[in-house]
């Protein structure tokens, strides 16, 4: 559902009592946390109960399971998730009552009002980069507000209402939400066309990032990765238009250069060079070489905000990761399980490379659940090709939006460059953990990849492997 931007943005403190339709989602739950911290009365509803709703209730929100028009009877403003349909009874009732109706982007703009905004966008790496930046700024002694798309591993939260004047936001391009923000520092990690159900073409997607740069406030700047062709084009075009541009990457012409990368299975380090001057080392304690770019982006944004190099580097080296970003889930019988949100072919490639490095001599066994039928329809060939980096693959059906006739996980199967006996198409969610567990052996690394609910497969695989080992160790077992 697309809610048009309000003609005049009302600051959060003037929204009155606020009700969130879809409050359990990553975007709305973070905004709700911030509003609660500011003393705003918050209610919300979601299709099912969750740990997120339990946490919001503990903070003081009233959260309902299911949707009912009565839930908006005593509120002033209704914030609506993009996943909510036009015929949702609470939305219908809010329109009938003439209540102020806000999209996620408008509500986020309302809580950012009056702050110095650092907005992190790009097709991939937004969550990690924005959370790295928030951690680095905290280490510098700032107390930034932040709203990101994933929970920190150490705190379990995705949002915070800080006492400082900086607001770090993950600026999502999927529904053009980032075009409602006015950043002082705009970070673009990459421009790799996605969400082609929302955008008319790859060119339209690129134009949206041009428009995002136009949102930078006077005196602000663009931070962009010159190793990515799309972000490089954006940086060059923006600089030609007079925008202050700070580039980063491994390329020789990067303003902030990544050098001497040392890659380990679950971490990496690199030397950061600013305008030819060596500043020192940044240690990245998350798996995958791609996170060196994310750390460099956060470092560049921190410098642009005026923070010192040494403290930024120390802060980035203390970063402990976010949920569903190559998140370790456990190990049983020599079988390790990780989970990642990667759902676009480019993200899958970098995560599978990280898994390959972390697996060592073991095999990589992947359980992939495509996120969105529309993305599967556009990218089924590329999704299959990416899965070819694994040794064994279990593919499930897409989820996250309305079904499209003929668009299932089966579309991906013919494009996975592996022998047929190493590929399984499993339509039953409950059977997927069994299919994974029966294929693994000691030393293997299991990676659950894609849609949110595939994260639940990993713990079941660990339990099944444990049960199998216990049965094999019983007297008389063969």
Protein backbone atom coordinates (compact mmCIF):
# COMPACT_ATOMS: atom_id res chain seq x y z
CA UNK A 1 0.00 0.00 0.00
CA UNK A 2 1.34 3.42 -0.95
CA UNK A 3 0.33 6.35 1.27
CA UNK A 4 1.08 9.69 -0.42
CA UNK A 5 3.31 12.09 1.51
CA UNK A 6 1.41 14.61 3.64
CA UNK A 7 1.19 18.11 2.18
CA UNK A 8 2.79 19.42 5.38
CA UNK A 9 4.89 17.29 7.70
CA UNK A 10 3.86 17.43 11.36
CA UNK A 11 6.69 16.87 13.89
CA UNK A 12 6.31 13.65 15.88
CA UNK A 13 5.49 15.45 19.12
CA UNK A 14 2.40 17.01 17.49
CA UNK A 15 0.94 13.80 16.06
CA UNK A 16 -1.10 13.07 19.16
CA UNK A 17 -1.93 9.42 19.84
CA UNK A 18 -0.32 7.27 17.15
CA UNK A 19 -1.47 3.86 15.94
CA UNK A 20 0.79 1.65 13.78
CA UNK A 21 -0.78 -0.81 11.33
CA UNK A 22 1.89 -3.50 10.94
CA UNK A 23 3.80 -2.51 14.07
CA UNK A 24 5.73 -5.80 14.19
CA UNK A 25 7.76 -5.03 11.06
CA UNK A 26 11.37 -3.86 11.19
CA UNK A 27 10.53 -0.37 9.93
CA UNK A 28 7.47 0.51 12.00
CA UNK A 29 8.67 -1.11 15.22
CA UNK A 30 11.76 1.11 15.26
CA UNK A 31 9.73 4.30 14.75
CA UNK A 32 7.35 3.15 17.49
CA UNK A 33 10.27 2.67 19.90
CA UNK A 34 11.44 6.22 19.29
CA UNK A 35 7.97 7.71 19.73
CA UNK A 36 7.47 5.78 22.99
CA UNK A 37 10.80 7.13 24.26
CA UNK A 38 9.52 10.65 23.53
CA UNK A 39 6.41 10.13 25.61
CA UNK A 40 3.97 9.68 22.71
CA UNK A 41 1.05 7.31 23.29
CA UNK A 42 1.55 4.39 20.90
CA UNK A 43 -0.75 1.54 19.91
CA UNK A 44 -0.37 -0.93 17.09
CA UNK A 45 -1.58 -4.08 15.41
CA UNK A 46 0.01 -6.92 13.52
CA UNK A 47 -1.14 -10.14 11.88
CA UNK A 48 0.59 -12.32 14.48
CA UNK A 49 2.24 -12.04 17.86
CA UNK A 50 6.02 -11.86 18.02
CA UNK A 51 9.01 -11.06 20.20
CA UNK A 52 8.90 -7.56 18.73
CA UNK A 53 5.36 -6.98 20.01
CA UNK A 54 6.34 -8.36 23.42
CA UNK A 55 9.27 -5.92 23.58
CA UNK A 56 7.09 -2.96 22.55
CA UNK A 57 4.50 -3.86 25.20
CA UNK A 58 7.28 -3.85 27.80
CA UNK A 59 8.16 -0.31 26.69
CA UNK A 60 4.56 0.85 27.15
CA UNK A 61 2.83 0.31 23.80
CA UNK A 62 -0.56 -1.35 23.47
CA UNK A 63 -0.19 -4.01 20.78
CA UNK A 64 -3.02 -6.04 19.26
CA UNK A 65 -2.89 -9.27 17.29
CA UNK A 66 -5.13 -9.10 14.23
CA UNK A 67 -6.80 -6.07 12.68
CA UNK A 68 -10.01 -4.39 13.81
CA UNK A 69 -11.48 -0.95 13.04
CA UNK A 70 -12.06 -0.45 16.77
CA UNK A 71 -8.30 -0.14 17.27
CA UNK A 72 -8.28 3.33 15.65
CA UNK A 73 -11.34 4.65 17.48
CA UNK A 74 -9.31 6.69 19.96
CA UNK A 75 -6.21 7.81 18.03
CA UNK A 76 -5.14 10.90 16.10
CA UNK A 77 -2.60 9.55 13.59
CA UNK A 78 -2.31 6.21 11.83
CA UNK A 79 1.03 5.02 10.45
CA UNK A 80 0.72 2.34 7.77
CA UNK A 81 3.28 -0.25 6.70
CA UNK A 82 3.90 -0.64 2.98
CA UNK A 83 2.91 -4.31 3.38
CA UNK A 84 -0.67 -3.35 4.38
CA UNK A 85 -3.45 -3.58 1.81
CA UNK A 86 -5.87 -0.76 0.94
CA UNK A 87 -8.82 -2.76 2.32
CA UNK A 88 -7.30 -3.25 5.76
CA UNK A 89 -10.18 -2.53 8.18
CA UNK A 90 -8.12 -0.14 10.30
CA UNK A 91 -7.00 1.85 7.26
CA UNK A 92 -10.57 1.97 5.91
CA UNK A 93 -11.82 3.22 9.28
CA UNK A 94 -8.99 5.77 9.57
CA UNK A 95 -9.96 7.22 6.19
CA UNK A 96 -13.64 7.28 7.17
CA UNK A 97 -12.78 9.19 10.34
CA UNK A 98 -10.49 11.61 8.49
CA UNK A 99 -7.51 10.72 10.65
CA UNK A 100 -4.01 11.82 9.71
CA UNK A 101 -2.55 8.93 7.68
CA UNK A 102 1.24 8.57 7.52
CA UNK A 103 3.45 6.20 5.58
CA UNK A 104 6.51 4.69 7.24
CA UNK A 105 8.72 7.26 5.46
CA UNK A 106 6.59 10.20 6.59
CA UNK A 107 6.56 8.96 10.20
CA UNK A 108 10.33 8.51 10.10
CA UNK A 109 10.73 12.02 8.69
CA UNK A 110 8.60 13.30 11.56
CA UNK A 111 10.87 11.78 14.23
CA UNK A 112 13.99 13.02 12.38
CA UNK A 113 12.73 16.61 12.27
CA UNK A 114 15.38 19.01 13.62
CA UNK A 115 18.23 16.47 13.58
CA UNK A 116 21.37 16.20 11.45
CA UNK A 117 20.48 13.22 9.29
CA UNK A 118 22.98 10.66 7.99
CA UNK A 119 20.99 8.54 5.52
CA UNK A 120 22.47 5.27 4.27
CA UNK A 121 21.06 3.96 1.02
CA UNK A 122 21.98 1.51 -1.73
CA UNK A 123 20.73 -1.80 -3.03
CA UNK A 124 22.87 -3.78 -0.58
CA UNK A 125 24.67 -3.12 2.69
CA UNK A 126 22.31 -0.48 4.11
CA UNK A 127 21.58 -2.21 7.41
CA UNK A 128 25.18 -3.14 8.18
CA UNK A 129 26.61 0.23 7.14
CA UNK A 130 24.05 2.27 9.10
CA UNK A 131 24.52 0.13 12.20
CA UNK A 132 28.30 0.34 11.88
CA UNK A 133 27.99 4.13 11.69
CA UNK A 134 25.76 4.28 14.77
CA UNK A 135 28.21 2.15 16.77
CA UNK A 136 31.19 4.23 15.63
CA UNK A 137 29.48 7.49 16.61
CA UNK A 138 28.57 6.07 20.00
CA UNK A 139 32.23 5.19 20.55
CA UNK A 140 33.11 8.80 19.70
CA UNK A 141 30.98 9.93 22.65
CA UNK A 142 27.95 10.96 20.62
CA UNK A 143 24.52 9.55 21.42
CA UNK A 144 22.91 9.42 17.97
CA UNK A 145 19.34 8.45 17.34
CA UNK A 146 19.03 5.65 14.81
CA UNK A 147 16.46 3.60 12.94
CA UNK A 148 17.77 0.65 10.96
CA UNK A 149 16.32 -2.46 9.32
CA UNK A 150 17.89 -5.04 11.62
CA UNK A 151 18.49 -5.60 15.32
CA UNK A 152 21.96 -5.24 16.81
CA UNK A 153 23.33 -8.59 18.00
CA UNK A 154 24.49 -7.16 21.34
CA UNK A 155 21.44 -5.03 22.24
CA UNK A 156 18.65 -6.72 20.29
CA UNK A 157 17.19 -3.38 19.20
CA UNK A 158 16.85 -1.64 15.84
CA UNK A 159 16.16 1.91 17.01
CA UNK A 160 17.14 4.41 19.68
CA UNK A 161 16.15 7.95 20.59
CA UNK A 162 19.48 9.55 21.39
CA UNK A 163 20.28 12.75 23.22
CA UNK A 164 22.58 13.99 20.44
CA UNK A 165 21.71 15.97 17.35
CA UNK A 166 22.55 13.23 14.80
CA UNK A 167 20.04 10.75 13.40
CA UNK A 168 21.36 7.72 11.49
CA UNK A 169 18.72 6.21 9.23
CA UNK A 170 18.65 3.28 6.87
CA UNK A 171 17.19 4.99 3.80
CA UNK A 172 15.16 2.37 1.97
CA UNK A 173 14.75 2.79 -1.77
CA UNK A 174 12.35 -0.16 -2.22
CA UNK A 175 9.23 2.05 -2.17
CA UNK A 176 11.02 5.36 -2.89
CA UNK A 177 10.83 6.17 0.83
CA UNK A 178 14.33 7.68 0.76
CA UNK A 179 13.03 10.50 -1.42
CA UNK A 180 11.21 11.94 1.61
CA UNK A 181 14.36 12.43 3.71
CA UNK A 182 16.65 15.47 3.80
CA UNK A 183 20.10 14.22 4.77
CA UNK A 184 23.19 16.18 5.68
CA UNK A 185 25.25 13.13 4.71
CA UNK A 186 23.84 10.79 2.08
CA UNK A 187 25.65 7.44 1.77
CA UNK A 188 25.18 5.30 -1.34
CA UNK A 189 26.80 1.88 -1.04
CA UNK A 190 25.86 0.73 -4.55
CA UNK A 191 23.22 1.20 -7.24
CA UNK A 192 22.22 -2.29 -8.37
CA UNK A 193 18.68 -2.33 -9.84
CA UNK A 194 16.13 -4.12 -7.66
CA UNK A 195 12.44 -3.74 -6.79
CA UNK A 196 11.50 -3.64 -10.45
CA UNK A 197 7.86 -4.07 -9.44
CA UNK A 198 8.12 -0.53 -8.05
CA UNK A 199 10.45 0.96 -10.66
CA UNK A 200 9.62 1.04 -14.37
CA UNK A 201 13.12 0.03 -15.47
CA UNK A 202 16.75 -0.10 -14.31
CA UNK A 203 17.08 3.45 -15.65
CA UNK A 204 14.17 4.57 -13.48
CA UNK A 205 15.93 2.98 -10.49
CA UNK A 206 19.10 4.96 -11.25
CA UNK A 207 17.08 8.18 -11.60
CA UNK A 208 15.70 7.68 -8.10
CA UNK A 209 19.23 7.85 -6.69
CA UNK A 210 19.85 11.06 -8.61
CA UNK A 211 16.74 12.43 -6.91
CA UNK A 212 18.02 11.18 -3.53
CA UNK A 213 21.20 13.24 -3.99
CA UNK A 214 19.03 16.26 -4.77
CA UNK A 215 17.54 15.88 -1.26
CA UNK A 216 20.91 16.66 0.43
CA UNK A 217 20.63 19.83 2.50
CA UNK A 218 22.86 22.85 1.73
CA UNK A 219 26.34 22.25 3.10
CA UNK A 220 25.86 18.47 3.06
CA UNK A 221 27.63 15.81 1.03
CA UNK A 222 27.37 12.52 -0.80
CA UNK A 223 29.48 9.53 0.28
CA UNK A 224 29.65 6.92 -2.51
CA UNK A 225 31.52 3.73 -3.36
CA UNK A 226 33.59 4.12 -6.54
CA UNK A 227 34.12 0.35 -6.78
CA UNK A 228 30.45 -0.03 -7.75
CA UNK A 229 29.70 1.12 -11.32
CA UNK A 230 26.29 2.56 -10.45
CA UNK A 231 27.53 4.46 -7.40
CA UNK A 232 30.57 5.70 -9.36
CA UNK A 233 28.30 7.10 -12.09
CA UNK A 234 26.20 8.78 -9.41
CA UNK A 235 29.30 10.27 -7.74
CA UNK A 236 30.69 11.63 -11.00
CA UNK A 237 27.36 13.10 -12.11
CA UNK A 238 26.77 14.64 -8.67
CA UNK A 239 30.23 16.17 -8.51
CA UNK A 240 29.68 17.68 -11.99
CA UNK A 241 26.53 19.32 -10.61
CA UNK A 242 28.46 20.92 -7.76
CA UNK A 243 27.63 18.43 -4.99
CA UNK A 244 30.35 17.85 -2.38
CA UNK A 245 31.28 14.18 -2.96
CA UNK A 246 33.46 11.92 -0.81
CA UNK A 247 34.28 8.58 -2.46
CA UNK A 248 35.57 5.37 -0.90
CA UNK A 249 36.71 1.98 -2.14
CA UNK A 250 39.74 0.08 -3.39
CA UNK A 251 39.99 2.07 -6.63
CA UNK A 252 43.10 4.23 -7.06
CA UNK A 253 41.02 7.41 -7.32
CA UNK A 254 39.00 6.84 -4.13
CA UNK A 255 39.19 9.75 -1.66
CA UNK A 256 39.10 7.25 1.21
CA UNK A 257 40.94 4.17 0.05
CA UNK A 258 40.84 0.58 1.29
CA UNK A 259 44.33 -0.96 1.17
CA UNK A 260 46.11 -4.10 2.41
CA UNK A 261 43.00 -6.17 3.06
CA UNK A 262 43.65 -9.23 5.21
CA UNK A 263 40.80 -11.72 4.95
CA UNK A 264 40.04 -14.33 7.61
CA UNK A 265 37.15 -16.83 7.56
CA UNK A 266 34.99 -14.75 9.93
CA UNK A 267 36.70 -11.34 9.93
CA UNK A 268 38.94 -9.01 7.98
CA UNK A 269 41.10 -5.93 8.42
CA UNK A 270 42.33 -3.17 6.17
CA UNK A 271 44.37 -0.01 6.12
CA UNK A 272 42.41 3.18 5.50
CA UNK A 273 44.10 5.88 3.44
CA UNK A 274 42.57 9.37 3.29
CA UNK A 275 43.74 11.57 0.41
CA UNK A 276 47.00 9.59 0.26
CA UNK A 277 47.58 9.71 4.04
CA UNK A 278 47.58 6.42 5.97
CA UNK A 279 45.24 6.77 8.94
CA UNK A 280 45.45 3.27 10.46
CA UNK A 281 43.77 -0.11 10.57
CA UNK A 282 40.08 -0.98 10.77
CA UNK A 283 39.25 -4.48 12.04
CA UNK A 284 35.93 -5.88 10.84
CA UNK A 285 34.61 -8.67 13.06
CA UNK A 286 31.95 -9.99 10.67
CA UNK A 287 32.40 -12.51 7.86
CA UNK A 288 32.84 -11.50 4.25
CA UNK A 289 35.15 -9.16 2.36
CA UNK A 290 32.15 -7.02 1.36
CA UNK A 291 32.00 -5.73 4.93
CA UNK A 292 35.26 -3.86 4.38
CA UNK A 293 33.32 -1.62 1.99
CA UNK A 294 30.55 -1.19 4.55
CA UNK A 295 33.07 -0.24 7.24
CA UNK A 296 34.78 2.21 4.88
CA UNK A 297 31.41 3.79 4.09
CA UNK A 298 30.62 4.24 7.79
CA UNK A 299 34.10 5.65 8.39
CA UNK A 300 33.72 8.13 5.51
CA UNK A 301 30.31 9.23 6.81
CA UNK A 302 31.72 9.68 10.31
CA UNK A 303 34.50 11.89 8.97
CA UNK A 304 31.96 13.92 6.99
CA UNK A 305 30.00 14.47 10.20
CA UNK A 306 33.14 15.86 11.85
CA UNK A 307 34.31 12.98 14.08
CA UNK A 308 37.99 12.05 14.60
CA UNK A 309 39.61 9.27 12.59
CA UNK A 310 41.10 7.32 15.50
CA UNK A 311 37.90 7.07 17.51
CA UNK A 312 35.87 6.14 14.43
CA UNK A 313 38.30 3.32 13.65
CA UNK A 314 38.17 2.05 17.23
CA UNK A 315 34.38 2.15 17.18
CA UNK A 316 34.14 0.24 13.93
CA UNK A 317 36.51 -2.39 15.30
CA UNK A 318 34.09 -2.94 18.21
CA UNK A 319 31.09 -3.62 15.93
CA UNK A 320 29.47 -6.98 16.77
CA UNK A 321 27.05 -7.38 13.86
CA UNK A 322 23.29 -7.29 13.32
CA UNK A 323 20.69 -10.00 13.24
CA UNK A 324 20.31 -11.95 10.00
CA UNK A 325 23.61 -10.68 8.59
CA UNK A 326 25.65 -13.89 8.48
CA UNK A 327 24.39 -14.51 12.01
CA UNK A 328 25.78 -17.55 13.80
CA UNK A 329 22.95 -19.79 15.04
CA UNK A 330 24.85 -22.69 16.58
CA UNK A 331 26.78 -25.92 16.04
CA UNK A 332 25.95 -29.57 16.64
CA UNK A 333 28.12 -32.54 15.70
CA UNK A 334 30.53 -30.41 13.69
CA UNK A 335 27.70 -28.85 11.65
CA UNK A 336 27.63 -25.04 11.91
CA UNK A 337 24.54 -23.01 11.01
CA UNK A 338 24.43 -19.37 9.91
CA UNK A 339 21.54 -17.22 8.73
CA UNK A 340 21.44 -14.25 6.38
CA UNK A 341 18.80 -11.96 4.88
CA UNK A 342 20.49 -11.97 1.45
CA UNK A 343 17.75 -12.24 -1.16
CA UNK A 344 19.04 -10.36 -4.22
CA UNK A 345 21.48 -12.28 -6.46
CA UNK A 346 24.34 -9.86 -5.70
CA UNK A 347 23.81 -10.23 -1.94
CA UNK A 348 23.62 -13.99 -2.28
CA UNK A 349 26.92 -14.13 -4.14
CA UNK A 350 28.82 -12.21 -1.45
CA UNK A 351 27.22 -14.25 1.34
CA UNK A 352 27.98 -17.55 -0.36
CA UNK A 353 31.59 -16.46 -0.88
CA UNK A 354 31.74 -15.63 2.84
CA UNK A 355 30.22 -19.03 3.65
CA UNK A 356 32.76 -20.74 1.40
CA UNK A 357 35.59 -19.02 3.25
CA UNK A 358 34.14 -19.84 6.67
CA UNK A 359 33.48 -23.49 5.77
CA UNK A 360 37.17 -24.27 5.29
CA UNK A 361 37.41 -27.91 4.21
CA UNK A 362 33.69 -28.47 4.77
CA UNK A 363 30.85 -28.16 2.30
CA UNK A 364 28.32 -25.32 2.07
CA UNK A 365 24.69 -26.46 2.32
CA UNK A 366 22.12 -23.75 1.55
CA UNK A 367 18.42 -23.52 2.27
CA UNK A 368 17.06 -20.63 0.19
CA UNK A 369 13.60 -19.07 0.53
CA UNK A 370 13.08 -16.35 -2.12
CA UNK A 371 11.73 -13.07 -0.77
CA UNK A 372 8.89 -11.87 -3.00
CA UNK A 373 7.31 -13.47 -6.04
CA UNK A 374 8.03 -10.32 -8.04
CA UNK A 375 11.79 -10.54 -7.39
CA UNK A 376 11.73 -14.25 -8.26
CA UNK A 377 9.93 -13.44 -11.51
CA UNK A 378 12.54 -10.84 -12.48
CA UNK A 379 15.69 -12.62 -11.25
CA UNK A 380 15.07 -16.39 -11.23
CA UNK A 381 18.00 -17.05 -13.57
CA UNK A 382 20.42 -14.94 -11.54
CA UNK A 383 19.17 -16.46 -8.26
CA UNK A 384 19.91 -19.92 -9.62
CA UNK A 385 23.35 -18.93 -10.87
CA UNK A 386 24.26 -17.50 -7.44
CA UNK A 387 23.22 -20.73 -5.70
CA UNK A 388 25.78 -22.55 -7.81
CA UNK A 389 28.44 -21.43 -5.29
CA UNK A 390 26.98 -23.92 -2.78
CA UNK A 391 27.60 -27.67 -2.65
CA UNK A 392 24.05 -28.69 -1.76
CA UNK A 393 20.91 -26.57 -2.21
CA UNK A 394 17.35 -26.77 -0.91
CA UNK A 395 15.03 -24.25 -2.60
CA UNK A 396 11.66 -23.27 -1.14
CA UNK A 397 8.79 -21.25 -2.64
CA UNK A 398 8.76 -17.43 -2.53
CA UNK A 399 6.96 -15.51 0.17
CA UNK A 400 6.44 -11.89 1.21
CA UNK A 401 3.91 -10.71 -1.36
CA UNK A 402 0.94 -11.91 -3.38
CA UNK A 403 1.43 -15.12 -5.38
CA UNK A 404 1.93 -14.87 -9.15
CA UNK A 405 0.72 -17.80 -11.26
CA UNK A 406 3.67 -19.94 -12.34
CA UNK A 407 6.19 -18.16 -10.12
CA UNK A 408 7.53 -20.72 -7.63
CA UNK A 409 10.88 -21.96 -6.45
CA UNK A 410 10.79 -24.43 -9.34
CA UNK A 411 11.65 -21.56 -11.72
CA UNK A 412 15.08 -21.29 -10.09
CA UNK A 413 16.01 -24.99 -10.16
CA UNK A 414 17.06 -25.35 -13.85
CA UNK A 415 19.47 -22.43 -13.51
CA UNK A 416 21.49 -23.80 -10.58
CA UNK A 417 24.77 -25.06 -12.09
CA UNK A 418 25.00 -28.15 -9.88
CA UNK A 419 24.31 -31.86 -10.53
CA UNK A 420 20.57 -32.61 -10.07
CA UNK A 421 21.23 -34.90 -7.11
CA UNK A 422 22.59 -31.92 -5.16
CA UNK A 423 19.44 -29.84 -5.62
CA UNK A 424 16.10 -30.21 -3.86
CA UNK A 425 12.92 -28.24 -4.50
CA UNK A 426 10.81 -28.41 -1.35
CA UNK A 427 7.36 -26.84 -1.26
CA UNK A 428 6.58 -27.82 2.33
CA UNK A 429 8.05 -25.48 4.93
CA UNK A 430 7.93 -28.16 7.63
CA UNK A 431 9.84 -30.60 5.41
CA UNK A 432 12.63 -28.15 4.53
CA UNK A 433 14.65 -28.65 7.76
CA UNK A 434 14.45 -32.42 7.27
CA UNK A 435 15.71 -32.11 3.70
CA UNK A 436 18.65 -30.00 4.87
CA UNK A 437 19.50 -32.19 7.86
CA UNK A 438 19.56 -35.39 5.82
CA UNK A 439 22.18 -33.88 3.48
CA UNK A 440 24.67 -32.54 6.03
CA UNK A 441 27.69 -34.24 7.54
CA UNK A 442 30.30 -33.16 10.12
CA UNK A 443 32.35 -30.18 8.98
CA UNK A 444 29.60 -28.72 6.81
CA UNK A 445 28.36 -25.15 7.05
CA UNK A 446 24.61 -24.63 6.66
CA UNK A 447 23.42 -21.22 5.46
CA UNK A 448 19.74 -20.33 5.59
CA UNK A 449 19.22 -17.51 3.14
CA UNK A 450 16.44 -15.15 2.08
CA UNK A 451 12.97 -14.46 3.47
CA UNK A 452 12.55 -13.86 7.22
CA UNK A 453 10.91 -17.17 8.08
CA UNK A 454 13.78 -19.24 6.63
CA UNK A 455 15.73 -18.17 9.74
CA UNK A 456 13.60 -20.65 11.66
CA UNK A 457 14.90 -23.55 9.58
CA UNK A 458 18.42 -23.38 11.07
CA UNK A 459 17.50 -24.18 14.69
CA UNK A 460 15.38 -27.09 13.50
CA UNK A 461 18.30 -28.43 11.46
CA UNK A 462 20.51 -28.28 14.57
CA UNK A 463 17.88 -30.15 16.56
CA UNK A 464 17.49 -32.82 13.89
CA UNK A 465 21.25 -33.31 13.60
CA UNK A 466 21.44 -33.60 17.40
CA UNK A 467 18.65 -36.18 17.45
CA UNK A 468 20.42 -38.18 14.75
CA UNK A 469 23.69 -38.16 16.66
CA UNK A 470 21.93 -39.20 19.86
CA UNK A 471 20.24 -42.10 18.08
CA UNK A 472 23.53 -43.21 16.55
CA UNK A 473 25.21 -43.23 19.95
CA UNK A 474 22.60 -45.44 21.60
CA UNK A 475 23.69 -48.99 22.46
CA UNK A 476 23.04 -51.28 19.53
CA UNK A 477 22.85 -48.44 16.98
CA UNK A 478 24.65 -49.01 13.69
